[in-house]
N, C-alpha and C. Protein backbone atom coordinates (compact mmCIF):
# COMPACT_ATOMS: atom_id res chain seq x y z
N MET A 1 0.68 -1.30 -0.12
CA MET A 1 -0.04 0.06 -0.07
C MET A 1 0.91 1.20 -0.26
N THR A 2 0.45 2.24 -0.84
CA THR A 2 1.43 3.28 -0.88
C THR A 2 0.54 4.54 -0.23
N LEU A 3 1.24 5.31 0.27
CA LEU A 3 0.40 6.73 0.95
C LEU A 3 1.08 7.87 -0.18
N LYS A 4 1.48 7.86 -0.86
CA LYS A 4 2.23 9.09 -2.06
C LYS A 4 0.78 9.90 -2.49
N GLY A 5 0.92 11.07 -2.20
CA GLY A 5 -0.16 11.99 -2.81
C GLY A 5 -1.43 11.79 -1.87
N VAL A 6 -1.22 11.28 -1.03
CA VAL A 6 -2.41 11.24 0.27
C VAL A 6 -2.39 12.45 0.93
N ILE A 7 -3.78 12.91 1.49
CA ILE A 7 -4.03 14.15 2.40
C ILE A 7 -4.29 13.62 3.55
N ASP A 8 -3.67 13.53 4.53
CA ASP A 8 -4.55 13.33 5.81
C ASP A 8 -5.09 14.36 6.69
N THR A 9 -6.45 14.52 6.72
CA THR A 9 -7.19 15.73 6.98
C THR A 9 -7.62 15.70 8.45
N HIS A 10 -7.13 15.08 9.14
CA HIS A 10 -7.12 15.00 10.79
C HIS A 10 -6.03 14.59 11.40
N VAL A 11 -5.06 15.67 11.91
CA VAL A 11 -3.92 15.01 12.90
C VAL A 11 -3.66 15.59 13.83
N HIS A 12 -3.92 15.07 15.24
CA HIS A 12 -3.63 15.71 16.52
C HIS A 12 -2.51 15.45 16.81
N ALA A 13 -1.50 16.69 17.22
CA ALA A 13 -0.36 16.14 17.49
C ALA A 13 0.32 17.40 18.85
N GLY A 14 1.32 17.29 19.54
CA GLY A 14 2.01 18.05 20.20
C GLY A 14 2.35 19.36 19.85
N PRO A 15 2.65 20.36 20.52
CA PRO A 15 2.03 20.26 21.62
C PRO A 15 0.81 20.61 21.85
N ASP A 16 0.02 20.28 22.71
CA ASP A 16 -1.33 20.14 23.26
C ASP A 16 -1.62 20.13 24.98
N VAL A 17 -2.84 20.42 25.10
CA VAL A 17 -3.09 20.40 26.63
C VAL A 17 -3.18 18.75 27.05
N ARG A 18 -3.38 17.77 26.16
CA ARG A 18 -3.55 16.39 26.19
C ARG A 18 -1.78 15.62 25.90
N PRO A 19 -1.62 14.79 26.58
CA PRO A 19 -0.46 14.33 25.73
C PRO A 19 -0.86 13.60 24.41
N ARG A 20 0.46 13.89 23.71
CA ARG A 20 0.23 13.15 22.20
C ARG A 20 1.56 12.65 22.11
N LYS A 21 1.52 11.58 20.99
CA LYS A 21 2.47 10.59 20.85
C LYS A 21 3.73 11.10 20.09
N ALA A 22 3.44 12.21 19.17
CA ALA A 22 4.34 12.98 18.49
C ALA A 22 4.19 14.21 18.27
N THR A 23 5.16 15.15 18.26
CA THR A 23 5.07 16.51 18.19
C THR A 23 4.43 16.80 16.47
N ALA A 24 3.94 17.87 16.02
CA ALA A 24 3.52 18.24 14.79
C ALA A 24 4.65 18.21 14.06
N TYR A 25 5.95 18.49 14.16
CA TYR A 25 7.09 18.77 13.45
C TYR A 25 7.55 17.09 13.18
N GLU A 26 7.38 16.29 14.16
CA GLU A 26 7.62 14.75 13.96
C GLU A 26 6.87 14.25 13.25
N LEU A 27 5.56 14.50 13.38
CA LEU A 27 4.58 13.94 12.57
C LEU A 27 4.50 14.38 10.99
N ALA A 28 4.91 15.92 10.83
CA ALA A 28 5.15 16.14 9.36
C ALA A 28 6.00 15.46 8.56
N ARG A 29 7.41 15.42 9.68
CA ARG A 29 8.49 14.80 8.52
C ARG A 29 7.99 13.31 8.33
N ALA A 30 7.38 12.65 9.33
CA ALA A 30 6.86 11.21 9.02
C ALA A 30 6.33 11.00 7.85
N ALA A 31 5.23 12.17 7.58
CA ALA A 31 4.14 12.13 6.85
C ALA A 31 5.14 12.34 5.23
N ARG A 32 5.76 13.31 5.48
CA ARG A 32 6.55 13.76 4.00
C ARG A 32 7.72 12.53 3.81
N ALA A 33 8.38 11.54 4.71
CA ALA A 33 8.77 10.40 4.15
C ALA A 33 7.92 9.14 3.58
N ALA A 34 6.45 9.56 4.17
CA ALA A 34 5.94 8.26 3.63
C ALA A 34 5.13 8.65 2.12
N GLY A 35 5.30 9.68 1.92
CA GLY A 35 5.08 10.27 0.84
C GLY A 35 3.82 10.85 0.52
N LEU A 36 2.84 11.44 1.71
CA LEU A 36 1.96 12.20 1.71
C LEU A 36 2.21 13.52 0.92
N ARG A 37 0.93 14.11 0.72
CA ARG A 37 1.14 15.36 -0.09
C ARG A 37 1.41 16.23 0.85
N ALA A 38 0.01 16.08 1.98
CA ALA A 38 -0.26 16.96 3.03
C ALA A 38 -0.78 16.53 4.39
N ILE A 39 -0.74 17.33 5.31
CA ILE A 39 -1.61 17.16 6.45
C ILE A 39 -2.12 18.27 7.14
N VAL A 40 -3.29 17.97 7.88
CA VAL A 40 -4.34 19.02 8.41
C VAL A 40 -3.99 18.92 9.71
N LEU A 41 -3.34 19.86 10.46
CA LEU A 41 -3.14 20.01 12.14
C LEU A 41 -4.56 20.42 12.66
N LYS A 42 -4.85 19.56 13.57
CA LYS A 42 -6.15 19.89 14.66
C LYS A 42 -5.73 19.90 15.88
N ASN A 43 -6.46 21.17 16.61
CA ASN A 43 -6.36 21.37 17.78
C ASN A 43 -7.65 21.58 18.69
N HIS A 44 -8.50 21.12 19.68
CA HIS A 44 -9.36 21.65 20.24
C HIS A 44 -9.58 22.78 21.27
N HIS A 45 -7.93 23.18 21.27
CA HIS A 45 -7.71 24.58 22.26
C HIS A 45 -7.20 25.57 21.73
N CYS A 46 -6.64 25.67 20.56
CA CYS A 46 -5.84 26.59 19.69
C CYS A 46 -5.77 26.59 18.43
N SER A 47 -5.47 27.85 17.38
CA SER A 47 -5.43 27.52 16.40
C SER A 47 -3.93 26.96 15.94
N THR A 48 -4.15 25.97 14.86
CA THR A 48 -3.09 25.59 14.31
C THR A 48 -2.33 25.94 13.00
N VAL A 49 -2.89 27.22 12.77
CA VAL A 49 -2.29 28.15 11.26
C VAL A 49 -1.07 28.45 11.31
N PRO A 50 -0.67 29.15 12.87
CA PRO A 50 0.49 29.48 12.72
C PRO A 50 1.71 28.43 12.70
N LEU A 51 1.53 27.35 12.93
CA LEU A 51 2.23 26.34 13.61
C LEU A 51 2.35 25.66 12.04
N ALA A 52 1.33 25.39 11.60
CA ALA A 52 1.12 24.90 10.06
C ALA A 52 1.87 25.72 9.11
N ALA A 53 2.06 26.84 9.15
CA ALA A 53 2.65 27.65 8.28
C ALA A 53 4.54 27.66 8.26
N ALA A 54 4.67 27.73 9.66
CA ALA A 54 6.22 27.68 9.83
C ALA A 54 6.48 25.87 9.69
N LEU A 55 5.78 25.32 9.66
CA LEU A 55 6.22 23.55 9.12
C LEU A 55 6.22 23.56 7.60
N SER A 56 4.97 24.07 6.92
CA SER A 56 5.54 24.19 5.60
C SER A 56 6.65 24.48 5.16
N GLU A 57 7.04 25.82 5.50
CA GLU A 57 8.53 26.68 5.37
C GLU A 57 9.51 25.65 5.85
N ALA A 58 9.51 25.18 6.77
CA ALA A 58 10.97 24.26 7.41
C ALA A 58 11.03 22.95 6.72
N LEU A 59 9.70 22.59 6.10
CA LEU A 59 9.93 21.17 5.54
C LEU A 59 9.43 21.09 4.15
N PRO A 60 10.28 21.59 3.14
CA PRO A 60 9.64 21.38 1.71
C PRO A 60 9.36 19.98 1.41
N GLY A 61 8.50 19.96 0.86
CA GLY A 61 8.10 18.49 0.30
C GLY A 61 6.95 18.20 1.10
N ILE A 62 6.29 18.64 1.86
CA ILE A 62 4.98 18.49 2.41
C ILE A 62 4.16 19.74 2.74
N ARG A 63 2.86 19.97 2.13
CA ARG A 63 2.30 20.79 2.82
C ARG A 63 1.50 20.57 4.07
N VAL A 64 1.27 21.34 4.90
CA VAL A 64 0.98 21.45 6.42
C VAL A 64 0.17 22.70 6.62
N LEU A 65 -0.91 22.53 6.65
CA LEU A 65 -2.33 23.23 6.72
C LEU A 65 -3.02 23.07 8.29
N GLY A 66 -3.36 24.45 8.83
CA GLY A 66 -3.92 24.26 9.97
C GLY A 66 -5.37 24.88 9.94
N GLY A 67 -5.87 25.13 11.15
CA GLY A 67 -7.43 25.55 11.23
C GLY A 67 -7.57 25.99 12.51
N LEU A 68 -8.86 26.20 12.74
CA LEU A 68 -9.38 26.75 13.85
C LEU A 68 -10.43 25.98 14.54
N ALA A 69 -10.41 25.15 15.38
CA ALA A 69 -11.70 24.82 16.20
C ALA A 69 -12.36 25.86 17.01
N LEU A 70 -13.73 26.17 16.82
CA LEU A 70 -14.49 27.18 17.71
C LEU A 70 -15.18 26.44 18.74
N ASN A 71 -14.36 25.75 19.57
CA ASN A 71 -14.95 24.93 20.59
C ASN A 71 -14.64 26.30 21.95
N HIS A 72 -15.27 25.77 22.99
CA HIS A 72 -15.31 26.61 24.19
C HIS A 72 -13.96 27.17 24.37
N ALA A 73 -13.04 26.40 24.44
CA ALA A 73 -11.62 27.18 25.04
C ALA A 73 -11.02 28.09 24.27
N VAL A 74 -11.59 28.78 22.94
CA VAL A 74 -11.43 29.63 22.09
C VAL A 74 -12.52 30.58 22.18
N GLY A 75 -13.70 30.43 22.72
CA GLY A 75 -14.58 31.36 23.18
C GLY A 75 -15.70 31.28 22.16
N GLY A 76 -15.86 30.15 21.51
CA GLY A 76 -16.97 29.44 20.85
C GLY A 76 -17.24 30.40 19.39
N PHE A 77 -17.98 30.29 18.72
CA PHE A 77 -17.93 30.63 17.26
C PHE A 77 -17.77 32.33 17.35
N ASN A 78 -16.80 32.69 16.69
CA ASN A 78 -16.50 33.96 16.85
C ASN A 78 -15.82 34.47 15.36
N LEU A 79 -16.43 35.29 14.72
CA LEU A 79 -16.22 35.87 13.25
C LEU A 79 -15.08 36.40 13.26
N GLU A 80 -14.55 37.10 14.25
CA GLU A 80 -12.84 37.49 14.28
C GLU A 80 -12.21 36.67 14.27
N ALA A 81 -12.13 35.52 14.87
CA ALA A 81 -11.33 34.60 14.87
C ALA A 81 -11.06 33.89 13.75
N VAL A 82 -12.30 33.67 12.70
CA VAL A 82 -12.54 32.92 11.61
C VAL A 82 -11.48 33.90 10.36
N ASP A 83 -11.85 35.14 10.74
CA ASP A 83 -11.37 36.31 9.74
C ASP A 83 -9.42 36.05 10.10
N ALA A 84 -9.20 36.15 11.10
CA ALA A 84 -7.79 36.21 11.42
C ALA A 84 -6.95 34.96 11.09
N ALA A 85 -7.96 33.85 11.28
CA ALA A 85 -7.27 32.26 10.46
C ALA A 85 -7.24 32.24 9.11
N LEU A 86 -8.37 33.04 8.43
CA LEU A 86 -8.10 33.06 6.96
C LEU A 86 -7.18 33.89 6.67
N GLY A 87 -6.94 34.78 7.39
CA GLY A 87 -5.65 35.82 6.94
C GLY A 87 -4.55 35.30 6.77
N LEU A 88 -4.23 34.64 7.78
CA LEU A 88 -2.96 33.74 8.08
C LEU A 88 -2.55 32.84 6.80
């Protein structure tokens, strides 16, 4: 089975408020080595957009995307937060 060109749309990684098996950097490197085209970082407590942007720049050959879960930890649904995430 090959993972070449696959996009994993739901990756939870450290740092996080819960223990994770690997950091976002470690997972992005492993995904790149496995031939994935991209991963999408998820977190229930903060935006992953800045981390994803930094990892995409630091690790050529894999696209790392982020987002913002509008859970209670970030104040729930918030149009300003959505605009900021889209702007990044």
